[in-house]
Amino acid sequence: MASTVIEPENDVRRDIAIRLNILARQMRSDFDRRISDVGVTRSQWALIAVVSRRPGATQRSIAEVLEMSEASAGRLIDRLCADGLLERRERDDDRRARAVYLTQQAEPLLEQLAVIARNNEERLFAGFSDTELSEFAGFLDRVYRNVNTG
C-alpha cells in the first residue's frame, strides 16, 4: 500500500477550505434560525434585498445577481408576488420584460430583516477593526476570483 505524503502548505490550504465550507454552512443555518419567525426563507430574503437595491430590475438581472437560474428566480418572484411583497410591472422600454418592485407591504419586513442582518454581522465580525475587515474582504475577493476563473 502506497503512502501519501501531504505537504505542509497543502495541509494549511485544505484546512482553510474545509473551515470555509463548515463556516458557510453554520452561517446559513444560524441565519435561517434567526429569520424563521419572520416568515421568509433565506432565498426569499435575498431576492427581496436585491429588489430593494435595484427597483425595477428584471427577473433575468435578479437571477444573475443571485447566481441562480431564471426559472428559480421566477418561482421566488411569483411566490413573493402572491404574498403581496413584490409586484411585476410592464416596462416602457420593453413590453416583453417585466420590472419587479417592492410593495408597501414589504417595507416593514425589509426593515425587520435589515435589523436581523445588522445584528448578525455585528456578532459575526465582533473584535475586527475596520482595517482587518478591509484586508479580509480583499482576501475573500481573491478567493472568489480564483473560484470563478478556475
N, C-alpha and C. Protein backbone atom coordinates (compact mmCIF):
# COMPACT_ATOMS: atom_id res chain seq x y z
N MET A 1 0.84 -1.17 0.00
CA MET A 1 0.00 0.00 0.00
C MET A 1 0.89 1.23 0.00
N ALA A 2 0.68 2.12 -0.94
CA ALA A 2 1.50 3.32 -1.06
C ALA A 2 1.06 4.35 -0.03
N SER A 3 2.03 5.03 0.51
CA SER A 3 1.76 6.08 1.49
C SER A 3 1.65 7.42 0.76
N THR A 4 0.69 8.22 1.14
CA THR A 4 0.52 9.54 0.54
C THR A 4 1.17 10.56 1.45
N VAL A 5 2.06 11.35 0.85
CA VAL A 5 2.72 12.40 1.61
C VAL A 5 1.97 13.70 1.35
N ILE A 6 1.51 14.34 2.41
CA ILE A 6 0.81 15.61 2.29
C ILE A 6 1.79 16.70 2.69
N GLU A 7 2.01 17.61 1.77
CA GLU A 7 2.93 18.70 2.04
C GLU A 7 2.29 19.69 3.01
N PRO A 8 3.09 20.30 3.89
CA PRO A 8 2.54 21.20 4.92
C PRO A 8 1.68 22.33 4.35
N GLU A 9 2.09 22.94 3.22
CA GLU A 9 1.28 24.04 2.69
C GLU A 9 -0.07 23.55 2.17
N ASN A 10 -0.12 22.30 1.72
CA ASN A 10 -1.39 21.74 1.30
C ASN A 10 -2.30 21.47 2.50
N ASP A 11 -1.70 21.09 3.64
CA ASP A 11 -2.47 20.91 4.87
C ASP A 11 -3.16 22.21 5.25
N VAL A 12 -2.44 23.32 5.18
CA VAL A 12 -3.00 24.62 5.54
C VAL A 12 -4.12 24.99 4.57
N ARG A 13 -3.88 24.81 3.29
CA ARG A 13 -4.91 25.13 2.28
C ARG A 13 -6.14 24.27 2.48
N ARG A 14 -5.92 22.97 2.68
CA ARG A 14 -7.05 22.06 2.88
C ARG A 14 -7.82 22.43 4.13
N ASP A 15 -7.12 22.74 5.20
CA ASP A 15 -7.77 23.13 6.46
C ASP A 15 -8.62 24.39 6.25
N ILE A 16 -8.08 25.37 5.56
CA ILE A 16 -8.83 26.61 5.30
C ILE A 16 -10.06 26.31 4.45
N ALA A 17 -9.92 25.49 3.40
CA ALA A 17 -11.05 25.15 2.54
C ALA A 17 -12.15 24.44 3.33
N ILE A 18 -11.76 23.50 4.18
CA ILE A 18 -12.74 22.78 4.99
C ILE A 18 -13.43 23.74 5.96
N ARG A 19 -12.65 24.59 6.59
CA ARG A 19 -13.22 25.54 7.55
C ARG A 19 -14.16 26.53 6.87
N LEU A 20 -13.82 26.96 5.66
CA LEU A 20 -14.72 27.87 4.93
C LEU A 20 -16.05 27.19 4.61
N ASN A 21 -15.99 25.92 4.20
CA ASN A 21 -17.22 25.17 3.92
C ASN A 21 -18.07 25.00 5.18
N ILE A 22 -17.44 24.64 6.28
CA ILE A 22 -18.17 24.47 7.53
C ILE A 22 -18.76 25.80 7.99
N LEU A 23 -17.96 26.84 7.92
CA LEU A 23 -18.40 28.16 8.34
C LEU A 23 -19.59 28.64 7.50
N ALA A 24 -19.54 28.43 6.19
CA ALA A 24 -20.66 28.83 5.31
C ALA A 24 -21.93 28.09 5.71
N ARG A 25 -21.82 26.80 5.98
CA ARG A 25 -22.99 26.01 6.40
C ARG A 25 -23.52 26.50 7.73
N GLN A 26 -22.63 26.76 8.69
CA GLN A 26 -23.04 27.25 10.00
C GLN A 26 -23.72 28.62 9.90
N MET A 27 -23.17 29.48 9.07
CA MET A 27 -23.75 30.81 8.90
C MET A 27 -25.14 30.73 8.29
N ARG A 28 -25.32 29.85 7.29
CA ARG A 28 -26.64 29.69 6.68
C ARG A 28 -27.65 29.16 7.70
N SER A 29 -27.25 28.15 8.45
CA SER A 29 -28.15 27.56 9.45
C SER A 29 -28.52 28.58 10.52
N ASP A 30 -27.53 29.31 11.00
CA ASP A 30 -27.76 30.32 12.03
C ASP A 30 -28.69 31.42 11.51
N PHE A 31 -28.46 31.89 10.31
CA PHE A 31 -29.29 32.95 9.74
C PHE A 31 -30.71 32.44 9.52
N ASP A 32 -30.84 31.21 9.02
CA ASP A 32 -32.17 30.62 8.83
C ASP A 32 -32.94 30.58 10.15
N ARG A 33 -32.25 30.21 11.21
CA ARG A 33 -32.89 30.14 12.53
C ARG A 33 -33.32 31.53 12.99
N ARG A 34 -32.50 32.54 12.74
CA ARG A 34 -32.80 33.90 13.18
C ARG A 34 -33.97 34.52 12.40
N ILE A 35 -34.15 34.12 11.13
CA ILE A 35 -35.25 34.72 10.36
C ILE A 35 -36.49 33.84 10.32
N SER A 36 -36.46 32.70 10.98
CA SER A 36 -37.60 31.77 10.90
C SER A 36 -38.89 32.40 11.41
N ASP A 37 -38.82 33.25 12.42
CA ASP A 37 -40.01 33.89 12.96
C ASP A 37 -40.59 34.96 12.04
N VAL A 38 -39.79 35.43 11.09
CA VAL A 38 -40.23 36.50 10.20
C VAL A 38 -41.15 35.96 9.10
N GLY A 39 -41.00 34.69 8.76
CA GLY A 39 -41.89 34.08 7.78
C GLY A 39 -41.39 34.08 6.35
N VAL A 40 -40.08 34.29 6.16
CA VAL A 40 -39.48 34.18 4.83
C VAL A 40 -38.27 33.28 4.90
N THR A 41 -37.92 32.71 3.78
CA THR A 41 -36.72 31.89 3.70
C THR A 41 -35.52 32.78 3.37
N ARG A 42 -34.33 32.22 3.50
CA ARG A 42 -33.12 32.95 3.15
C ARG A 42 -33.14 33.35 1.68
N SER A 43 -33.61 32.47 0.81
CA SER A 43 -33.69 32.77 -0.63
C SER A 43 -34.66 33.91 -0.89
N GLN A 44 -35.80 33.89 -0.21
CA GLN A 44 -36.76 34.97 -0.38
C GLN A 44 -36.19 36.29 0.13
N TRP A 45 -35.52 36.23 1.28
CA TRP A 45 -34.91 37.43 1.83
C TRP A 45 -33.87 38.00 0.87
N ALA A 46 -33.04 37.13 0.30
CA ALA A 46 -32.01 37.59 -0.63
C ALA A 46 -32.64 38.27 -1.84
N LEU A 47 -33.72 37.70 -2.35
CA LEU A 47 -34.38 38.28 -3.51
C LEU A 47 -35.01 39.63 -3.15
N ILE A 48 -35.65 39.71 -2.00
CA ILE A 48 -36.22 40.99 -1.55
C ILE A 48 -35.12 42.04 -1.41
N ALA A 49 -33.98 41.65 -0.87
CA ALA A 49 -32.87 42.58 -0.70
C ALA A 49 -32.36 43.09 -2.05
N VAL A 50 -32.27 42.20 -3.03
CA VAL A 50 -31.82 42.61 -4.37
C VAL A 50 -32.80 43.60 -4.97
N VAL A 51 -34.09 43.30 -4.89
CA VAL A 51 -35.10 44.19 -5.47
C VAL A 51 -35.10 45.54 -4.74
N SER A 52 -34.84 45.54 -3.44
CA SER A 52 -34.81 46.81 -2.70
C SER A 52 -33.65 47.68 -3.16
N ARG A 53 -32.55 47.05 -3.56
CA ARG A 53 -31.38 47.80 -4.03
C ARG A 53 -31.45 48.13 -5.52
N ARG A 54 -32.30 47.39 -6.25
CA ARG A 54 -32.42 47.56 -7.70
C ARG A 54 -33.89 47.58 -8.11
N PRO A 55 -34.63 48.58 -7.66
CA PRO A 55 -36.05 48.62 -8.02
C PRO A 55 -36.21 48.65 -9.55
N GLY A 56 -37.14 47.86 -10.05
CA GLY A 56 -37.38 47.81 -11.48
C GLY A 56 -36.50 46.82 -12.21
N ALA A 57 -35.75 46.02 -11.46
CA ALA A 57 -34.89 45.00 -12.08
C ALA A 57 -35.76 43.96 -12.76
N THR A 58 -35.21 43.32 -13.77
CA THR A 58 -35.91 42.24 -14.45
C THR A 58 -35.61 40.91 -13.75
N GLN A 59 -36.43 39.93 -14.04
CA GLN A 59 -36.21 38.59 -13.49
C GLN A 59 -34.82 38.09 -13.87
N ARG A 60 -34.40 38.34 -15.10
CA ARG A 60 -33.09 37.90 -15.57
C ARG A 60 -31.97 38.54 -14.76
N SER A 61 -32.05 39.86 -14.56
CA SER A 61 -30.96 40.54 -13.83
C SER A 61 -30.94 40.12 -12.36
N ILE A 62 -32.11 39.88 -11.79
CA ILE A 62 -32.17 39.40 -10.40
C ILE A 62 -31.52 38.02 -10.31
N ALA A 63 -31.83 37.15 -11.26
CA ALA A 63 -31.25 35.81 -11.28
C ALA A 63 -29.72 35.89 -11.39
N GLU A 64 -29.23 36.81 -12.21
CA GLU A 64 -27.77 36.95 -12.37
C GLU A 64 -27.12 37.38 -11.07
N VAL A 65 -27.71 38.37 -10.39
CA VAL A 65 -27.14 38.85 -9.12
C VAL A 65 -27.11 37.73 -8.09
N LEU A 66 -28.18 36.94 -8.04
CA LEU A 66 -28.28 35.86 -7.06
C LEU A 66 -27.60 34.57 -7.50
N GLU A 67 -27.07 34.58 -8.73
CA GLU A 67 -26.39 33.41 -9.30
C GLU A 67 -27.29 32.18 -9.23
N MET A 68 -28.50 32.35 -9.79
CA MET A 68 -29.46 31.25 -9.85
C MET A 68 -30.10 31.26 -11.23
N SER A 69 -30.83 30.22 -11.56
CA SER A 69 -31.48 30.16 -12.86
C SER A 69 -32.63 31.16 -12.90
N GLU A 70 -32.97 31.59 -14.11
CA GLU A 70 -34.11 32.48 -14.27
C GLU A 70 -35.39 31.82 -13.79
N ALA A 71 -35.51 30.52 -14.04
CA ALA A 71 -36.72 29.79 -13.63
C ALA A 71 -36.85 29.81 -12.10
N SER A 72 -35.75 29.58 -11.40
CA SER A 72 -35.79 29.60 -9.93
C SER A 72 -36.14 30.99 -9.41
N ALA A 73 -35.53 32.00 -10.01
CA ALA A 73 -35.84 33.38 -9.62
C ALA A 73 -37.31 33.67 -9.89
N GLY A 74 -37.80 33.20 -11.03
CA GLY A 74 -39.20 33.42 -11.39
C GLY A 74 -40.16 32.81 -10.38
N ARG A 75 -39.85 31.60 -9.92
CA ARG A 75 -40.69 30.95 -8.92
C ARG A 75 -40.70 31.73 -7.61
N LEU A 76 -39.51 32.21 -7.20
CA LEU A 76 -39.43 33.01 -5.98
C LEU A 76 -40.21 34.31 -6.13
N ILE A 77 -40.05 34.96 -7.27
CA ILE A 77 -40.77 36.21 -7.53
C ILE A 77 -42.28 35.95 -7.51
N ASP A 78 -42.72 34.88 -8.19
CA ASP A 78 -44.15 34.52 -8.19
C ASP A 78 -44.67 34.37 -6.76
N ARG A 79 -43.91 33.66 -5.93
CA ARG A 79 -44.32 33.41 -4.55
C ARG A 79 -44.43 34.72 -3.77
N LEU A 80 -43.42 35.59 -3.94
CA LEU A 80 -43.41 36.85 -3.21
C LEU A 80 -44.48 37.81 -3.73
N CYS A 81 -44.81 37.71 -5.01
CA CYS A 81 -45.93 38.49 -5.56
C CYS A 81 -47.24 37.99 -4.97
N ALA A 82 -47.40 36.68 -4.88
CA ALA A 82 -48.61 36.08 -4.31
C ALA A 82 -48.76 36.47 -2.84
N ASP A 83 -47.64 36.64 -2.14
CA ASP A 83 -47.66 37.04 -0.74
C ASP A 83 -47.84 38.54 -0.57
N GLY A 84 -47.85 39.28 -1.69
CA GLY A 84 -48.06 40.72 -1.64
C GLY A 84 -46.82 41.53 -1.32
N LEU A 85 -45.62 40.90 -1.40
CA LEU A 85 -44.39 41.60 -1.06
C LEU A 85 -43.71 42.23 -2.28
N LEU A 86 -43.94 41.66 -3.45
CA LEU A 86 -43.38 42.18 -4.69
C LEU A 86 -44.51 42.35 -5.69
N GLU A 87 -44.22 43.15 -6.72
CA GLU A 87 -45.15 43.26 -7.84
C GLU A 87 -44.35 43.39 -9.12
N ARG A 88 -44.95 42.85 -10.19
CA ARG A 88 -44.36 42.98 -11.52
C ARG A 88 -45.11 44.07 -12.25
N ARG A 89 -44.35 44.90 -12.98
CA ARG A 89 -44.96 45.95 -13.79
C ARG A 89 -44.37 45.89 -15.19
N GLU A 90 -45.17 46.30 -16.16
CA GLU A 90 -44.65 46.37 -17.53
C GLU A 90 -43.58 47.46 -17.60
N ARG A 91 -42.63 47.21 -18.47
CA ARG A 91 -41.57 48.21 -18.69
C ARG A 91 -41.93 49.03 -19.93
N ASP A 92 -41.66 50.31 -19.86
CA ASP A 92 -41.95 51.18 -21.00
C ASP A 92 -41.04 50.87 -22.19
N ASP A 93 -39.79 50.46 -21.90
CA ASP A 93 -38.82 50.25 -22.96
C ASP A 93 -38.87 48.85 -23.57
N ASP A 94 -39.55 47.91 -22.92
CA ASP A 94 -39.60 46.54 -23.42
C ASP A 94 -40.85 45.86 -22.88
N ARG A 95 -41.86 45.72 -23.69
CA ARG A 95 -43.15 45.15 -23.25
C ARG A 95 -43.03 43.67 -22.86
N ARG A 96 -41.99 42.98 -23.36
CA ARG A 96 -41.82 41.56 -23.02
C ARG A 96 -41.26 41.37 -21.63
N ALA A 97 -40.40 42.29 -21.21
CA ALA A 97 -39.77 42.19 -19.90
C ALA A 97 -40.66 42.85 -18.85
N ARG A 98 -40.67 42.28 -17.66
CA ARG A 98 -41.44 42.84 -16.56
C ARG A 98 -40.47 43.31 -15.49
N ALA A 99 -40.73 44.49 -14.96
CA ALA A 99 -39.91 45.05 -13.90
C ALA A 99 -40.47 44.59 -12.55
N VAL A 100 -39.60 44.36 -11.60
CA VAL A 100 -40.01 43.87 -10.28
C VAL A 100 -39.75 44.97 -9.25
N TYR A 101 -40.76 45.20 -8.41
CA TYR A 101 -40.69 46.24 -7.38
C TYR A 101 -41.19 45.69 -6.06
N LEU A 102 -40.71 46.30 -4.96
CA LEU A 102 -41.25 46.00 -3.64
C LEU A 102 -42.62 46.67 -3.52
N THR A 103 -43.49 46.07 -2.75
CA THR A 103 -44.75 46.71 -2.41
C THR A 103 -44.59 47.40 -1.06
N GLN A 104 -45.56 48.22 -0.70
CA GLN A 104 -45.52 48.86 0.62
C GLN A 104 -45.55 47.82 1.74
N GLN A 105 -46.21 46.72 1.47
CA GLN A 105 -46.31 45.65 2.46
C GLN A 105 -44.92 45.07 2.79
N ALA A 106 -43.98 45.18 1.87
CA ALA A 106 -42.64 44.63 2.08
C ALA A 106 -41.76 45.52 2.95
N GLU A 107 -42.08 46.80 3.03
CA GLU A 107 -41.20 47.75 3.74
C GLU A 107 -40.95 47.37 5.20
N PRO A 108 -41.99 47.08 6.01
CA PRO A 108 -41.72 46.70 7.41
C PRO A 108 -40.90 45.40 7.50
N LEU A 109 -41.18 44.46 6.62
CA LEU A 109 -40.43 43.21 6.59
C LEU A 109 -38.96 43.47 6.27
N LEU A 110 -38.73 44.33 5.29
CA LEU A 110 -37.36 44.68 4.90
C LEU A 110 -36.61 45.32 6.06
N GLU A 111 -37.28 46.20 6.79
CA GLU A 111 -36.66 46.84 7.96
C GLU A 111 -36.34 45.80 9.03
N GLN A 112 -37.26 44.89 9.27
CA GLN A 112 -37.05 43.84 10.26
C GLN A 112 -35.87 42.95 9.86
N LEU A 113 -35.81 42.58 8.58
CA LEU A 113 -34.70 41.75 8.10
C LEU A 113 -33.38 42.48 8.16
N ALA A 114 -33.40 43.79 7.90
CA ALA A 114 -32.18 44.59 7.97
C ALA A 114 -31.62 44.61 9.39
N VAL A 115 -32.50 44.72 10.38
CA VAL A 115 -32.07 44.71 11.78
C VAL A 115 -31.44 43.35 12.12
N ILE A 116 -32.09 42.28 11.69
CA ILE A 116 -31.56 40.93 11.95
C ILE A 116 -30.19 40.78 11.29
N ALA A 117 -30.08 41.22 10.03
CA ALA A 117 -28.80 41.10 9.31
C ALA A 117 -27.72 41.94 9.99
N ARG A 118 -28.06 43.16 10.38
CA ARG A 118 -27.08 44.04 11.02
C ARG A 118 -26.60 43.44 12.35
N ASN A 119 -27.52 42.93 13.15
CA ASN A 119 -27.14 42.29 14.42
C ASN A 119 -26.27 41.06 14.18
N ASN A 120 -26.61 40.30 13.16
CA ASN A 120 -25.85 39.11 12.81
C ASN A 120 -24.42 39.49 12.39
N GLU A 121 -24.31 40.54 11.57
CA GLU A 121 -22.99 40.99 11.10
C GLU A 121 -22.16 41.52 12.25
N GLU A 122 -22.79 42.25 13.17
CA GLU A 122 -22.05 42.77 14.33
C GLU A 122 -21.50 41.62 15.18
N ARG A 123 -22.32 40.60 15.38
CA ARG A 123 -21.89 39.43 16.15
C ARG A 123 -20.78 38.67 15.42
N LEU A 124 -20.96 38.50 14.11
CA LEU A 124 -20.02 37.74 13.30
C LEU A 124 -18.63 38.39 13.26
N PHE A 125 -18.60 39.72 13.18
CA PHE A 125 -17.33 40.42 12.99
C PHE A 125 -16.88 41.17 14.25
N ALA A 126 -17.41 40.78 15.40
CA ALA A 126 -17.00 41.41 16.66
C ALA A 126 -15.50 41.24 16.85
N GLY A 127 -14.85 42.31 17.28
CA GLY A 127 -13.42 42.25 17.56
C GLY A 127 -12.53 42.52 16.35
N PHE A 128 -13.13 42.71 15.17
CA PHE A 128 -12.34 43.05 13.97
C PHE A 128 -12.30 44.56 13.80
N SER A 129 -11.12 45.08 13.51
CA SER A 129 -11.01 46.51 13.20
C SER A 129 -11.44 46.74 11.76
N ASP A 130 -11.69 48.00 11.40
CA ASP A 130 -12.05 48.32 10.02
C ASP A 130 -10.93 47.92 9.06
N THR A 131 -9.69 48.08 9.48
CA THR A 131 -8.55 47.69 8.65
C THR A 131 -8.54 46.18 8.43
N GLU A 132 -8.77 45.43 9.49
CA GLU A 132 -8.80 43.96 9.37
C GLU A 132 -9.95 43.51 8.46
N LEU A 133 -11.11 44.14 8.61
CA LEU A 133 -12.24 43.78 7.76
C LEU A 133 -11.95 44.09 6.29
N SER A 134 -11.31 45.20 6.04
CA SER A 134 -10.95 45.56 4.67
C SER A 134 -9.95 44.56 4.09
N GLU A 135 -8.98 44.18 4.87
CA GLU A 135 -8.00 43.19 4.44
C GLU A 135 -8.67 41.84 4.20
N PHE A 136 -9.55 41.44 5.09
CA PHE A 136 -10.28 40.19 4.98
C PHE A 136 -11.13 40.19 3.70
N ALA A 137 -11.80 41.31 3.43
CA ALA A 137 -12.61 41.42 2.22
C ALA A 137 -11.73 41.26 0.98
N GLY A 138 -10.53 41.80 1.02
CA GLY A 138 -9.59 41.63 -0.10
C GLY A 138 -9.19 40.18 -0.31
N PHE A 139 -8.96 39.48 0.80
CA PHE A 139 -8.62 38.05 0.69
C PHE A 139 -9.79 37.27 0.08
N LEU A 140 -11.00 37.56 0.56
CA LEU A 140 -12.17 36.87 0.04
C LEU A 140 -12.39 37.18 -1.44
N ASP A 141 -12.14 38.43 -1.84
CA ASP A 141 -12.25 38.80 -3.26
C ASP A 141 -11.31 37.95 -4.11
N ARG A 142 -10.09 37.75 -3.61
CA ARG A 142 -9.12 36.94 -4.36
C ARG A 142 -9.58 35.49 -4.47
N VAL A 143 -10.08 34.92 -3.37
CA VAL A 143 -10.58 33.55 -3.40
C VAL A 143 -11.76 33.46 -4.37
N TYR A 144 -12.66 34.45 -4.30
CA TYR A 144 -13.83 34.46 -5.20
C TYR A 144 -13.39 34.48 -6.68
N ARG A 145 -12.43 35.34 -6.99
CA ARG A 145 -11.93 35.39 -8.38
C ARG A 145 -11.30 34.06 -8.78
N ASN A 146 -10.54 33.45 -7.88
CA ASN A 146 -9.90 32.17 -8.18
C ASN A 146 -10.96 31.09 -8.46
N VAL A 147 -12.02 31.08 -7.66
CA VAL A 147 -13.08 30.09 -7.86
C VAL A 147 -13.76 30.31 -9.20
N ASN A 148 -13.96 31.56 -9.56
CA ASN A 148 -14.73 31.87 -10.77
C ASN A 148 -13.89 31.94 -12.03
N THR A 149 -12.58 31.77 -11.93
CA THR A 149 -11.75 31.74 -13.13
C THR A 149 -11.10 30.38 -13.34
N GLY A 150 -11.28 29.50 -12.39
CA GLY A 150 -10.61 28.21 -12.47
C GLY A 150 -11.50 27.14 -12.81
